[in-house]
N, C-alpha and C. Protein backbone atom coordinates (compact mmCIF):
# COMPACT_ATOMS: atom_id res chain seq x y z
N UNK A 1 -3.21 -10.03 -16.07
CA UNK A 1 -2.81 -9.32 -14.89
C UNK A 1 -3.56 -9.92 -13.75
N UNK A 2 -3.86 -10.96 -13.45
CA UNK A 2 -3.67 -11.97 -12.28
C UNK A 2 -2.91 -12.12 -11.68
N UNK A 3 -1.21 -11.83 -12.65
CA UNK A 3 0.29 -12.06 -11.83
C UNK A 3 0.13 -10.87 -10.98
N UNK A 4 -0.22 -9.87 -11.69
CA UNK A 4 0.56 -8.10 -11.43
C UNK A 4 -1.10 -8.32 -10.16
N UNK A 5 -2.59 -8.50 -10.11
CA UNK A 5 -2.70 -8.16 -9.07
C UNK A 5 -2.32 -9.20 -7.37
N UNK A 6 -1.71 -10.69 -7.95
CA UNK A 6 -1.69 -11.32 -7.10
C UNK A 6 -0.28 -10.53 -6.42
N UNK A 7 0.46 -10.09 -7.24
CA UNK A 7 1.58 -9.54 -6.45
C UNK A 7 1.61 -7.86 -5.71
N UNK A 8 0.60 -8.14 -6.30
CA UNK A 8 -0.38 -6.06 -5.59
C UNK A 8 -0.63 -6.70 -3.73
N UNK A 9 -1.08 -7.85 -4.29
CA UNK A 9 -2.14 -8.41 -2.75
C UNK A 9 -1.22 -9.05 -2.02
N UNK A 10 0.43 -9.88 -2.45
CA UNK A 10 1.02 -9.43 -1.79
C UNK A 10 1.82 -8.77 -1.12
N UNK A 11 1.50 -7.76 -2.02
CA UNK A 11 2.89 -6.47 -1.07
C UNK A 11 1.90 -5.99 0.17
N UNK A 12 0.68 -5.81 0.33
CA UNK A 12 -0.85 -5.15 1.16
C UNK A 12 -0.45 -6.32 2.31
N UNK A 13 -0.25 -7.84 1.94
CA UNK A 13 0.12 -8.58 3.04
C UNK A 13 1.21 -7.95 3.63
N UNK A 14 2.12 -8.09 2.93
CA UNK A 14 3.28 -7.50 4.05
C UNK A 14 3.25 -6.70 5.07
N UNK A 15 3.33 -5.29 4.05
CA UNK A 15 3.17 -4.25 4.99
C UNK A 15 1.27 -4.46 6.50
N UNK A 16 0.65 -5.48 6.41
CA UNK A 16 -0.53 -5.04 6.63
C UNK A 16 0.40 -6.40 7.86
N UNK A 17 1.41 -7.10 7.52
CA UNK A 17 1.98 -8.51 8.56
C UNK A 17 2.97 -7.68 8.96
N UNK A 18 3.06 -6.01 9.05
CA UNK A 18 4.26 -5.40 9.38
C UNK A 18 5.87 -6.02 9.30
N UNK A 19 5.73 -7.18 7.99
CA UNK A 19 6.95 -7.08 7.43
C UNK A 19 8.21 -6.00 7.26
N UNK A 20 8.91 -6.43 8.31
CA UNK A 20 10.58 -5.78 8.84
C UNK A 20 11.18 -5.59 7.78
N UNK A 21 10.88 -6.58 6.43
CA UNK A 21 12.13 -5.98 5.47
C UNK A 21 11.30 -4.88 4.47
N UNK A 22 9.74 -5.63 4.26
CA UNK A 22 9.08 -4.60 3.58
C UNK A 22 8.54 -2.59 4.45
N UNK A 23 8.88 -2.72 5.62
CA UNK A 23 8.63 -1.42 6.40
C UNK A 23 9.63 -0.68 6.22
N UNK A 24 11.41 -0.94 5.89
CA UNK A 24 12.10 -0.61 6.08
C UNK A 24 13.02 0.00 4.63
N UNK A 25 12.10 -0.79 3.56
CA UNK A 25 11.99 -0.10 1.90
C UNK A 25 10.79 0.90 2.17
N UNK A 26 9.61 0.65 2.81
CA UNK A 26 8.70 2.13 2.97
C UNK A 26 9.25 3.21 3.62
N UNK A 27 10.19 2.83 4.50
CA UNK A 27 10.46 4.33 5.22
C UNK A 27 11.71 4.68 4.84
N UNK A 28 12.42 3.98 3.30
CA UNK A 28 13.64 4.65 2.97
C UNK A 28 13.16 5.80 2.37
N UNK A 29 11.62 5.45 1.42
CA UNK A 29 11.29 5.96 0.58
C UNK A 29 10.68 7.20 1.25
N UNK A 30 11.32 9.15 1.00
CA UNK A 30 10.69 9.78 1.57
C UNK A 30 9.22 10.16 1.27
N UNK A 31 8.47 9.96 0.01
CA UNK A 31 7.67 10.41 -0.08
C UNK A 31 6.27 8.95 0.48
N UNK A 32 6.76 8.38 1.45
CA UNK A 32 5.61 7.90 2.47
C UNK A 32 5.88 7.80 3.58
N UNK A 33 4.95 8.32 4.83
CA UNK A 33 5.53 8.60 5.79
C UNK A 33 4.96 6.78 6.62
N UNK A 34 5.76 6.30 7.68
CA UNK A 34 5.45 5.26 8.31
C UNK A 34 5.72 5.76 9.71
N UNK A 35 4.34 5.74 10.05
CA UNK A 35 4.56 6.20 11.87
C UNK A 35 4.07 5.16 12.39
N UNK A 36 3.66 5.70 14.26
CA UNK A 36 2.99 4.57 14.77
C UNK A 36 1.71 4.47 14.39
N UNK A 37 1.36 3.35 13.80
CA UNK A 37 0.28 3.07 13.23
C UNK A 37 -0.07 2.85 11.96
N UNK A 38 0.48 3.40 11.67
CA UNK A 38 0.03 3.87 9.63
C UNK A 38 0.94 4.24 8.97
N UNK A 39 1.34 3.26 7.84
CA UNK A 39 1.47 3.65 6.62
C UNK A 39 1.06 4.90 5.86
N UNK A 40 1.65 6.05 5.35
CA UNK A 40 0.76 6.59 4.45
C UNK A 40 1.71 6.53 3.11
N UNK A 41 0.74 7.57 1.97
CA UNK A 41 1.11 6.86 0.46
C UNK A 41 0.01 7.62 -0.44
N UNK A 42 0.49 8.32 -1.43
CA UNK A 42 -0.69 8.66 -2.96
C UNK A 42 -0.35 7.27 -3.63
N UNK A 43 -1.48 7.19 -4.38
CA UNK A 43 -1.31 6.52 -5.67
C UNK A 43 0.05 6.22 -6.73
N UNK A 44 0.03 7.63 -7.12
CA UNK A 44 1.37 8.09 -8.20
C UNK A 44 2.43 7.45 -7.07
N UNK A 45 2.84 7.29 -6.22
CA UNK A 45 3.91 6.90 -5.50
C UNK A 45 4.32 5.97 -5.66
N UNK A 46 3.13 4.95 -4.89
CA UNK A 46 3.00 4.10 -4.53
C UNK A 46 3.25 3.00 -6.50
N UNK A 47 2.32 3.47 -6.61
CA UNK A 47 2.82 3.36 -8.51
C UNK A 47 4.71 3.00 -8.75
N UNK A 48 5.15 3.75 -8.42
CA UNK A 48 6.63 4.51 -8.85
C UNK A 48 7.43 3.08 -8.03
N UNK A 49 6.81 3.34 -6.74
CA UNK A 49 7.92 2.29 -5.88
C UNK A 49 7.89 1.04 -6.02
N UNK A 50 6.37 0.54 -6.23
CA UNK A 50 5.46 -0.88 -7.00
C UNK A 50 6.80 -1.07 -8.23
N UNK A 51 7.19 -0.21 -9.13
CA UNK A 51 7.93 -0.85 -10.61
C UNK A 51 9.49 -0.32 -10.03
N UNK A 52 9.30 0.04 -8.98
CA UNK A 52 10.85 -0.64 -8.72
C UNK A 52 11.17 -1.25 -8.30
N UNK A 53 10.03 -2.10 -7.26
CA UNK A 53 10.40 -3.22 -6.40
C UNK A 53 9.81 -4.58 -7.01
N UNK A 54 9.45 -4.34 -7.88
CA UNK A 54 8.81 -5.74 -8.63
C UNK A 54 8.56 -5.55 -10.73
N UNK A 55 9.14 -6.25 -10.98
CA UNK A 55 8.91 -6.07 -12.57
C UNK A 55 7.62 -6.21 -13.24
N UNK A 56 6.95 -6.35 -12.72
CA UNK A 56 5.49 -6.87 -12.88
C UNK A 56 4.95 -5.75 -13.01
N UNK A 57 5.00 -4.44 -12.53
CA UNK A 57 4.35 -3.23 -12.44
C UNK A 57 5.06 -2.69 -13.60
N UNK A 58 5.56 -3.31 -14.28
CA UNK A 58 6.56 -2.53 -15.48
C UNK A 58 5.17 -2.49 -16.72
N UNK A 59 4.42 -3.90 -16.35
CA UNK A 59 3.39 -3.90 -17.72
C UNK A 59 2.41 -3.31 -17.74
N UNK A 60 2.15 -2.41 -16.68
CA UNK A 60 0.58 -2.18 -16.75
C UNK A 60 1.11 -0.41 -16.60
N UNK A 61 1.12 0.57 -17.23
CA UNK A 61 0.82 2.63 -17.26
C UNK A 61 -0.12 2.49 -15.48
N UNK A 62 -0.36 3.65 -15.67
CA UNK A 62 -0.71 3.81 -14.10
C UNK A 62 -1.79 4.13 -14.28
N UNK A 63 -2.54 4.18 -15.09
CA UNK A 63 -3.98 3.78 -15.43
C UNK A 63 -4.78 2.62 -15.18
N UNK A 64 -4.43 1.80 -15.34
CA UNK A 64 -4.01 0.85 -15.71
C UNK A 64 -4.17 0.40 -14.03
N UNK A 65 -2.98 0.73 -13.67
CA UNK A 65 -2.36 0.40 -11.76
C UNK A 65 -3.91 0.49 -11.37
N UNK A 66 -4.13 2.32 -11.55
CA UNK A 66 -5.15 2.42 -10.93
C UNK A 66 -6.19 1.66 -10.66
N UNK A 67 -6.74 0.82 -11.24
CA UNK A 67 -8.11 0.71 -11.87
C UNK A 67 -7.50 -0.74 -11.02
N UNK A 68 -6.60 -1.16 -11.45
CA UNK A 68 -6.27 -2.79 -10.44
C UNK A 68 -6.63 -2.49 -8.61
N UNK A 69 -5.88 -0.71 -8.97
CA UNK A 69 -6.14 -0.27 -6.82
C UNK A 69 -7.45 -0.87 -6.76
N UNK A 70 -8.13 -0.46 -7.43
CA UNK A 70 -9.74 -0.01 -7.29
C UNK A 70 -10.99 -1.77 -6.94
N UNK A 71 -10.11 -1.89 -7.63
CA UNK A 71 -10.74 -3.40 -8.43
C UNK A 71 -10.34 -4.46 -7.49
N UNK A 72 -9.40 -4.43 -7.10
CA UNK A 72 -8.76 -5.86 -6.18
C UNK A 72 -9.43 -6.10 -5.06
N UNK A 73 -9.29 -6.79 -4.15
CA UNK A 73 -10.17 -7.42 -3.12
C UNK A 73 -8.74 -7.24 -2.01
N UNK A 74 -8.11 -5.91 -1.75
CA UNK A 74 -7.29 -5.52 -1.15
C UNK A 74 -7.79 -5.15 0.39
N UNK A 75 -8.38 -4.36 -0.12
CA UNK A 75 -8.93 -4.10 1.83
C UNK A 75 -9.42 -5.44 2.48
N UNK A 76 -10.12 -5.92 1.93
CA UNK A 76 -10.45 -7.22 2.49
C UNK A 76 -9.48 -7.73 2.78
N UNK A 77 -8.26 -8.42 1.99
CA UNK A 77 -7.66 -9.36 2.50
C UNK A 77 -6.83 -8.28 3.56
N UNK A 78 -6.46 -7.27 3.66
CA UNK A 78 -5.81 -6.87 4.67
C UNK A 78 -6.10 -6.43 6.00
N UNK A 79 -8.24 -6.52 5.93
CA UNK A 79 -8.59 -6.70 7.11
C UNK A 79 -8.56 -8.08 8.09
N UNK A 80 -8.73 -8.87 6.66
CA UNK A 80 -8.22 -10.28 7.80
C UNK A 80 -6.95 -10.61 8.73
N UNK A 81 -5.80 -9.02 8.20
CA UNK A 81 -4.64 -9.17 9.26
C UNK A 81 -4.63 -8.04 10.07
N UNK A 82 -5.52 -7.63 10.23
CA UNK A 82 -5.55 -6.76 11.38
C UNK A 82 -5.38 -5.02 11.08
N UNK A 83 -5.96 -5.11 9.95
CA UNK A 83 -5.43 -3.58 8.81
C UNK A 83 -6.66 -3.09 8.16
N UNK A 84 -6.81 -2.05 8.26
CA UNK A 84 -7.25 -1.61 7.02
C UNK A 84 -6.88 -0.53 5.85
N UNK A 85 -7.52 -0.34 5.35
CA UNK A 85 -6.85 0.53 3.97
C UNK A 85 -8.13 2.04 4.09
N UNK A 86 -7.87 3.24 4.79
CA UNK A 86 -8.64 4.71 4.45
C UNK A 86 -7.62 5.98 3.77
N UNK A 87 -8.75 6.86 3.93
CA UNK A 87 -8.18 8.06 2.70
C UNK A 87 -8.20 8.73 3.98
N UNK A 88 -6.80 9.60 4.23
CA UNK A 88 -6.68 10.35 5.29
C UNK A 88 -6.60 11.83 4.81
N UNK A 89 -5.91 12.04 3.64
CA UNK A 89 -6.30 13.94 3.02
C UNK A 89 -7.15 13.38 1.93
N UNK A 90 -8.55 13.87 1.84
CA UNK A 90 -9.18 13.61 0.80
C UNK A 90 -9.13 15.32 -0.27
N UNK A 91 -8.60 14.72 -1.12
CA UNK A 91 -8.31 15.87 -2.33
C UNK A 91 -9.13 16.19 -3.07
N UNK A 92 -10.26 15.17 -3.06
CA UNK A 92 -11.43 15.12 -3.99
C UNK A 92 -10.83 14.82 -5.22
N UNK A 93 -9.21 13.90 -5.99
CA UNK A 93 -9.10 13.44 -7.06
C UNK A 93 -8.19 12.71 -6.14
N UNK A 94 -8.57 11.37 -6.43
CA UNK A 94 -8.15 10.25 -6.26
C UNK A 94 -6.48 10.12 -6.48
N UNK A 95 -5.95 10.54 -7.56
CA UNK A 95 -4.10 10.87 -7.80
C UNK A 95 -3.97 12.17 -6.81
N UNK A 96 -4.22 12.50 -5.98
CA UNK A 96 -3.75 13.59 -4.97
C UNK A 96 -4.26 13.56 -3.98
N UNK A 97 -4.97 13.28 -3.38
CA UNK A 97 -5.32 11.98 -1.75
C UNK A 97 -4.57 11.50 -1.44
N UNK A 98 -4.88 11.09 -0.30
CA UNK A 98 -3.18 10.65 0.41
C UNK A 98 -3.94 9.55 1.66
N UNK A 99 -3.57 8.03 1.37
CA UNK A 99 -4.30 7.22 1.54
C UNK A 99 -3.42 6.50 2.86
N UNK A 100 -3.95 6.27 3.67
CA UNK A 100 -3.05 4.77 4.79
C UNK A 100 -3.74 3.23 5.34
N UNK A 101 -2.54 2.94 5.16
CA UNK A 101 -2.49 1.42 5.55
C UNK A 101 -2.97 1.95 6.86
N UNK A 102 -3.58 1.25 7.75
CA UNK A 102 -4.17 1.52 9.52
C UNK A 102 -3.67 0.32 9.71
N UNK A 103 -2.59 0.33 10.90
CA UNK A 103 -2.74 -1.49 11.46
C UNK A 103 -4.56 -0.84 12.67
N UNK A 104 -4.54 -1.51 12.99
CA UNK A 104 -5.95 -1.97 14.38
C UNK A 104 -5.08 -2.19 15.62
N UNK A 105 -4.91 -1.79 17.05
CA UNK A 105 -4.39 -1.38 17.89
C UNK A 105 -4.16 -2.16 18.36
N UNK A 106 -5.27 -3.27 18.20
CA UNK A 106 -5.20 -4.17 19.47
C UNK A 106 -4.02 -5.79 19.11
N UNK A 107 -3.24 -5.70 20.27
CA UNK A 107 -2.29 -6.43 19.44
C UNK A 107 -1.22 -5.61 18.85
N UNK A 108 -0.99 -4.62 18.80
CA UNK A 108 -0.13 -3.81 17.92
C UNK A 108 1.54 -3.70 18.45
N UNK A 109 1.97 -3.97 17.67
CA UNK A 109 3.48 -4.30 18.06
C UNK A 109 3.67 -2.31 17.57
N UNK A 110 5.03 -2.09 17.92
CA UNK A 110 5.73 -0.57 17.72
C UNK A 110 6.34 -0.88 16.08
N UNK A 111 5.82 -0.04 15.63
CA UNK A 111 6.94 0.32 14.49
C UNK A 111 7.61 0.95 14.13
N UNK A 112 8.54 0.25 14.01
CA UNK A 112 10.40 0.91 14.08
C UNK A 112 10.83 1.23 12.92
């Protein structure tokens, strides 16, 4: 599970750092919204996306993935990089809610 958690944290670090290749991949997915200042996603869409990006995510099912998301230090990691993960549309169920990685405005580059 440690390799999967590291891959997940690495993915979020790239997004928090506005890695151009990673943002381009996210923009190509219709299920995601990459806007000025934030990237919006649902957990089921993120799980599906990551399974296509990195085979390590094929080793766990969705329930394990969801548990990994909530038990890993993702938010602490991205905060060190000037971002945070928030709930943008709380539907009272984690699978239906929409989340966003929000880049802090100070020193923020334009998302292309």
